[in-house]
Amino acid sequence: MQIPYHIPDNLQDYYDNFEKYSIPDFSDKCPICGGVNCAIYHGYYTRTAICPITGFSALDLPVLRFLCSRKGNDLVCTHITFSLLPFMLVPYRQLPLKFMVLAVWLRVSQHLSLTKALDVIENELNHLGDVAVFINTSTMMSWEQMILEAVSLFLSSDIDLACSVKCGQLQDSECLTWFLELINDHEIQIDNHRIRGPDAFSWDFYQQSGGTDQCAHFLFGLASQHRL
């Protein structure tokens, strides 16, 4: 089971200073079963994370992991462990949410072809090697599909998030533009840390849809607890 995890630093600082991070306390309630003094820190696993915007790249980004001892009765999934995924990442994707959203926004806002969009992304968003190493036209299409699925999930929920307009009657391209503008302008504050854009919107959605209490959905991407 995956839970978004707020870190006050960027991925590079999190990676460089991971050993100094305090272990979160879930003693009051286990996210999986609701039990008190149930969740036990179970080390971490590593995953690849790449942020072309900041030039960050790591094959071994640590992700905190906890074990449910099944002391409660309110099981929300069949998993026996849960992990804390830094909130700027998306389940099962190497690139951060902000980069994917900005890449799609560049293409949509400038009415670019998929091929031309790759050139623009290379020039405006990439501070790593050749962008073709981690992006192609199929990747771009999958990101757009992921965002459209997020639109459907958002519109089917009862969560407003400072938006009074529903776009059910719009065509996919219009709906995509509307949603990208909405999430790029969103801003929140978490523990005296102000964040803006799709990261903030995604965090807000998760928390307002129930958070760990109801095994809420990530707005973008399908977490392990919701995969078949």
Protein backbone atom coordinates (compact mmCIF):
# COMPACT_ATOMS: atom_id res chain seq x y z
CA MET A 1 0.00 0.00 0.00
CA GLN A 2 1.34 3.45 -0.91
CA ILE A 3 0.77 6.74 0.89
CA PRO A 4 1.92 10.18 -0.30
CA TYR A 5 4.57 11.52 2.08
CA HIS A 6 5.22 15.21 2.57
CA ILE A 7 8.90 16.14 2.59
CA PRO A 8 9.90 19.80 3.05
CA ASP A 9 12.87 19.43 0.69
CA ASN A 10 13.32 18.66 -2.97
CA LEU A 11 14.25 15.15 -4.09
CA GLN A 12 17.97 15.93 -4.18
CA ASP A 13 18.01 17.11 -0.55
CA TYR A 14 15.83 14.20 0.51
CA TYR A 15 18.22 11.80 -1.21
CA ASP A 16 21.39 13.42 0.19
CA ASN A 17 20.07 13.71 3.76
CA PHE A 18 17.85 10.65 4.01
CA GLU A 19 19.65 9.25 7.06
CA LYS A 20 18.85 12.46 8.98
CA TYR A 21 15.09 12.21 8.41
CA SER A 22 13.08 11.23 11.48
CA ILE A 23 10.88 8.17 11.13
CA PRO A 24 7.18 9.17 11.03
CA ASP A 25 5.06 7.92 13.92
CA PHE A 26 1.95 5.87 13.13
CA SER A 27 1.48 4.63 16.71
CA ASP A 28 -1.94 6.29 17.08
CA LYS A 29 -3.44 4.57 14.05
CA CYS A 30 -2.14 2.09 11.49
CA PRO A 31 -3.13 3.16 7.94
CA ILE A 32 -3.91 -0.45 7.00
CA CYS A 33 -5.89 -1.80 9.95
CA GLY A 34 -6.49 1.19 12.22
CA GLY A 35 -4.74 -0.47 15.16
CA VAL A 36 -2.93 1.45 17.89
CA ASN A 37 0.82 0.76 18.23
CA CYS A 38 0.54 -1.52 15.23
CA ALA A 39 2.66 -0.10 12.40
CA ILE A 40 6.36 -0.92 12.72
CA TYR A 41 9.14 0.72 10.71
CA HIS A 42 10.35 -1.91 8.28
CA GLY A 43 13.30 -0.23 6.59
CA TYR A 44 13.09 1.06 3.04
CA TYR A 45 13.25 -0.02 -0.55
CA THR A 46 14.80 1.91 -3.42
CA ARG A 47 13.40 3.07 -6.72
CA THR A 48 14.52 5.15 -9.68
CA ALA A 49 13.61 8.83 -9.69
CA ILE A 50 14.54 11.37 -12.37
CA CYS A 51 13.77 15.10 -12.36
CA PRO A 52 14.93 16.78 -15.58
CA ILE A 53 13.85 20.20 -14.28
CA THR A 54 16.36 20.17 -11.40
CA GLY A 55 18.85 17.78 -12.96
CA PHE A 56 18.28 15.15 -10.27
CA SER A 57 18.72 11.49 -11.11
CA ALA A 58 19.02 8.49 -8.79
CA LEU A 59 18.66 4.75 -9.26
CA ASP A 60 18.31 4.18 -5.52
CA LEU A 61 15.96 6.79 -4.06
CA PRO A 62 14.90 5.40 -0.65
CA VAL A 63 11.22 4.96 0.17
CA LEU A 64 10.25 4.37 3.81
CA ARG A 65 8.37 1.15 4.52
CA PHE A 66 6.21 0.04 7.47
CA LEU A 67 4.78 -3.32 8.54
CA CYS A 68 1.20 -3.72 9.77
CA SER A 69 0.96 -6.12 12.74
CA ARG A 70 -2.82 -6.50 12.29
CA LYS A 71 -3.74 -5.18 15.75
CA GLY A 72 -6.86 -3.41 14.45
CA ASN A 73 -10.05 -4.55 12.74
CA ASP A 74 -10.53 -1.90 10.04
CA LEU A 75 -8.63 -3.47 7.15
CA VAL A 76 -8.59 -1.19 4.10
CA CYS A 77 -6.61 -3.52 1.84
CA THR A 78 -4.95 -6.93 1.83
CA HIS A 79 -1.42 -5.52 2.01
CA ILE A 80 0.68 -6.16 5.11
CA THR A 81 3.04 -3.25 4.45
CA PHE A 82 2.68 0.38 3.44
CA SER A 83 5.27 2.75 1.98
CA LEU A 84 5.65 6.53 2.04
CA LEU A 85 6.12 7.88 -1.47
CA PRO A 86 7.45 11.48 -1.60
CA PHE A 87 4.43 13.52 -2.66
CA MET A 88 6.00 14.91 -5.84
CA LEU A 89 6.27 11.41 -7.30
CA VAL A 90 3.65 9.26 -9.00
CA PRO A 91 3.26 5.52 -8.34
CA TYR A 92 5.21 3.36 -10.82
CA ARG A 93 6.68 6.30 -12.76
CA GLN A 94 10.28 7.52 -12.63
CA LEU A 95 9.59 11.16 -13.49
CA PRO A 96 7.94 13.56 -11.02
CA LEU A 97 4.39 14.80 -11.47
CA LYS A 98 5.39 18.43 -12.02
CA PHE A 99 7.60 17.57 -14.98
CA MET A 100 4.97 15.39 -16.64
CA VAL A 101 2.27 18.03 -16.22
CA LEU A 102 4.49 20.86 -17.49
CA ALA A 103 5.54 18.76 -20.47
CA VAL A 104 1.92 18.14 -21.44
CA TRP A 105 1.06 21.79 -20.77
CA LEU A 106 3.80 22.95 -23.16
CA ARG A 107 2.37 20.76 -25.90
CA VAL A 108 -1.27 21.67 -25.28
CA SER A 109 -0.83 25.40 -24.70
CA GLN A 110 1.39 25.85 -27.76
CA HIS A 111 -0.61 23.42 -29.96
CA LEU A 112 2.50 21.39 -30.74
CA SER A 113 2.76 18.02 -32.37
CA LEU A 114 4.13 15.26 -30.18
CA THR A 115 7.45 15.34 -32.03
CA LYS A 116 7.82 19.11 -31.83
CA ALA A 117 6.86 19.02 -28.15
CA LEU A 118 9.90 16.84 -27.43
CA ASP A 119 12.18 19.54 -28.87
CA VAL A 120 10.53 22.24 -26.76
CA ILE A 121 10.73 20.10 -23.62
CA GLU A 122 14.43 19.52 -24.34
CA ASN A 123 15.04 23.27 -24.51
CA GLU A 124 12.79 24.47 -21.68
CA LEU A 125 12.50 21.71 -19.06
CA ASN A 126 15.49 19.40 -19.36
CA HIS A 127 18.74 19.76 -17.39
CA LEU A 128 19.89 16.18 -17.80
CA GLY A 129 21.17 14.33 -20.85
CA ASP A 130 19.33 13.80 -24.13
CA VAL A 131 15.60 14.00 -23.41
CA ALA A 132 15.04 11.08 -25.80
CA VAL A 133 16.60 8.77 -23.21
CA PHE A 134 13.52 9.02 -20.97
CA ILE A 135 10.76 10.48 -23.15
CA ASN A 136 9.25 9.54 -26.51
CA THR A 137 5.93 10.22 -28.23
CA SER A 138 4.33 7.15 -26.64
CA THR A 139 5.40 8.39 -23.22
CA MET A 140 3.84 11.78 -23.89
CA MET A 141 0.58 10.13 -24.94
CA SER A 142 0.55 8.04 -21.76
CA TRP A 143 0.99 11.19 -19.66
CA GLU A 144 -1.93 12.87 -21.37
CA GLN A 145 -4.04 9.78 -20.74
CA MET A 146 -3.00 9.75 -17.09
CA ILE A 147 -4.08 13.39 -16.74
CA LEU A 148 -7.40 12.78 -18.49
CA GLU A 149 -8.05 9.89 -16.10
CA ALA A 150 -7.28 12.28 -13.24
CA VAL A 151 -9.83 14.72 -14.68
CA SER A 152 -12.49 11.99 -14.66
CA LEU A 153 -11.62 10.99 -11.10
CA PHE A 154 -11.71 14.61 -9.94
CA LEU A 155 -15.03 15.36 -11.61
CA SER A 156 -16.62 12.19 -10.25
CA SER A 157 -15.66 13.15 -6.69
CA ASP A 158 -17.37 15.63 -4.37
CA ILE A 159 -14.15 17.59 -3.90
CA ASP A 160 -14.22 21.21 -5.05
CA LEU A 161 -10.65 22.40 -4.47
CA ALA A 162 -11.50 26.04 -5.23
CA CYS A 163 -13.18 25.15 -8.50
CA SER A 164 -16.86 25.82 -9.15
CA VAL A 165 -16.79 24.92 -12.84
CA LYS A 166 -17.44 21.41 -14.08
CA CYS A 167 -16.31 20.52 -17.57
CA GLY A 168 -18.35 17.44 -18.34
CA GLN A 169 -19.63 18.95 -21.57
CA LEU A 170 -16.20 19.91 -22.92
CA GLN A 171 -14.25 17.95 -25.49
CA ASP A 172 -11.18 16.07 -24.24
CA SER A 173 -8.74 18.71 -25.53
CA GLU A 174 -10.71 21.57 -23.94
CA CYS A 175 -11.13 19.62 -20.71
CA LEU A 176 -7.41 18.88 -20.61
CA THR A 177 -6.55 22.58 -21.03
CA TRP A 178 -9.03 23.60 -18.34
CA PHE A 179 -7.67 21.05 -15.88
CA LEU A 180 -4.01 21.87 -16.54
CA GLU A 181 -4.68 25.55 -15.87
CA LEU A 182 -6.53 24.64 -12.69
CA ILE A 183 -3.83 22.43 -11.20
CA ASN A 184 -0.91 24.64 -12.24
CA ASP A 185 -2.38 27.56 -10.27
CA HIS A 186 -3.24 25.59 -7.13
CA GLU A 187 -1.38 26.53 -3.95
CA ILE A 188 -1.40 25.17 -0.38
CA GLN A 189 0.71 25.24 2.76
CA ILE A 190 1.83 22.12 4.63
CA ASP A 191 3.64 22.50 7.95
CA ASN A 192 4.87 26.01 7.06
CA HIS A 193 5.98 24.73 3.66
CA ARG A 194 4.20 26.38 0.74
CA ILE A 195 3.84 24.30 -2.40
CA ARG A 196 2.17 25.15 -5.68
CA GLY A 197 1.01 23.46 -8.83
CA PRO A 198 0.09 19.83 -9.53
CA ASP A 199 1.97 18.59 -6.43
CA ALA A 200 -0.23 20.78 -4.23
CA PHE A 201 -3.41 19.81 -6.06
CA SER A 202 -2.62 16.10 -5.87
CA TRP A 203 -1.86 16.34 -2.14
CA ASP A 204 -5.07 18.26 -1.48
CA PHE A 205 -7.12 15.72 -3.39
CA TYR A 206 -5.67 12.79 -1.45
CA GLN A 207 -6.22 14.44 1.93
CA GLN A 208 -9.73 15.70 1.18
CA SER A 209 -10.84 12.37 -0.25
CA GLY A 210 -10.09 10.65 3.03
CA GLY A 211 -6.34 10.13 3.09
CA THR A 212 -5.21 6.92 4.76
CA ASP A 213 -8.50 6.62 6.67
CA GLN A 214 -10.33 5.45 3.55
CA CYS A 215 -7.42 4.20 1.48
CA ALA A 216 -7.97 7.18 -0.82
CA HIS A 217 -6.85 7.25 -4.42
CA PHE A 218 -3.83 9.11 -5.68
CA LEU A 219 -5.23 11.58 -8.20
CA PHE A 220 -2.45 10.74 -10.66
CA GLY A 221 -1.41 7.16 -11.19
CA LEU A 222 -2.69 3.98 -9.63
CA ALA A 223 -1.18 3.06 -6.26
CA SER A 224 -0.43 -0.56 -5.39
CA GLN A 225 -3.54 -0.97 -3.25
CA HIS A 226 -5.75 -0.21 -6.25
CA ARG A 227 -3.98 -2.35 -8.86
CA LEU A 228 -5.51 -5.67 -9.85
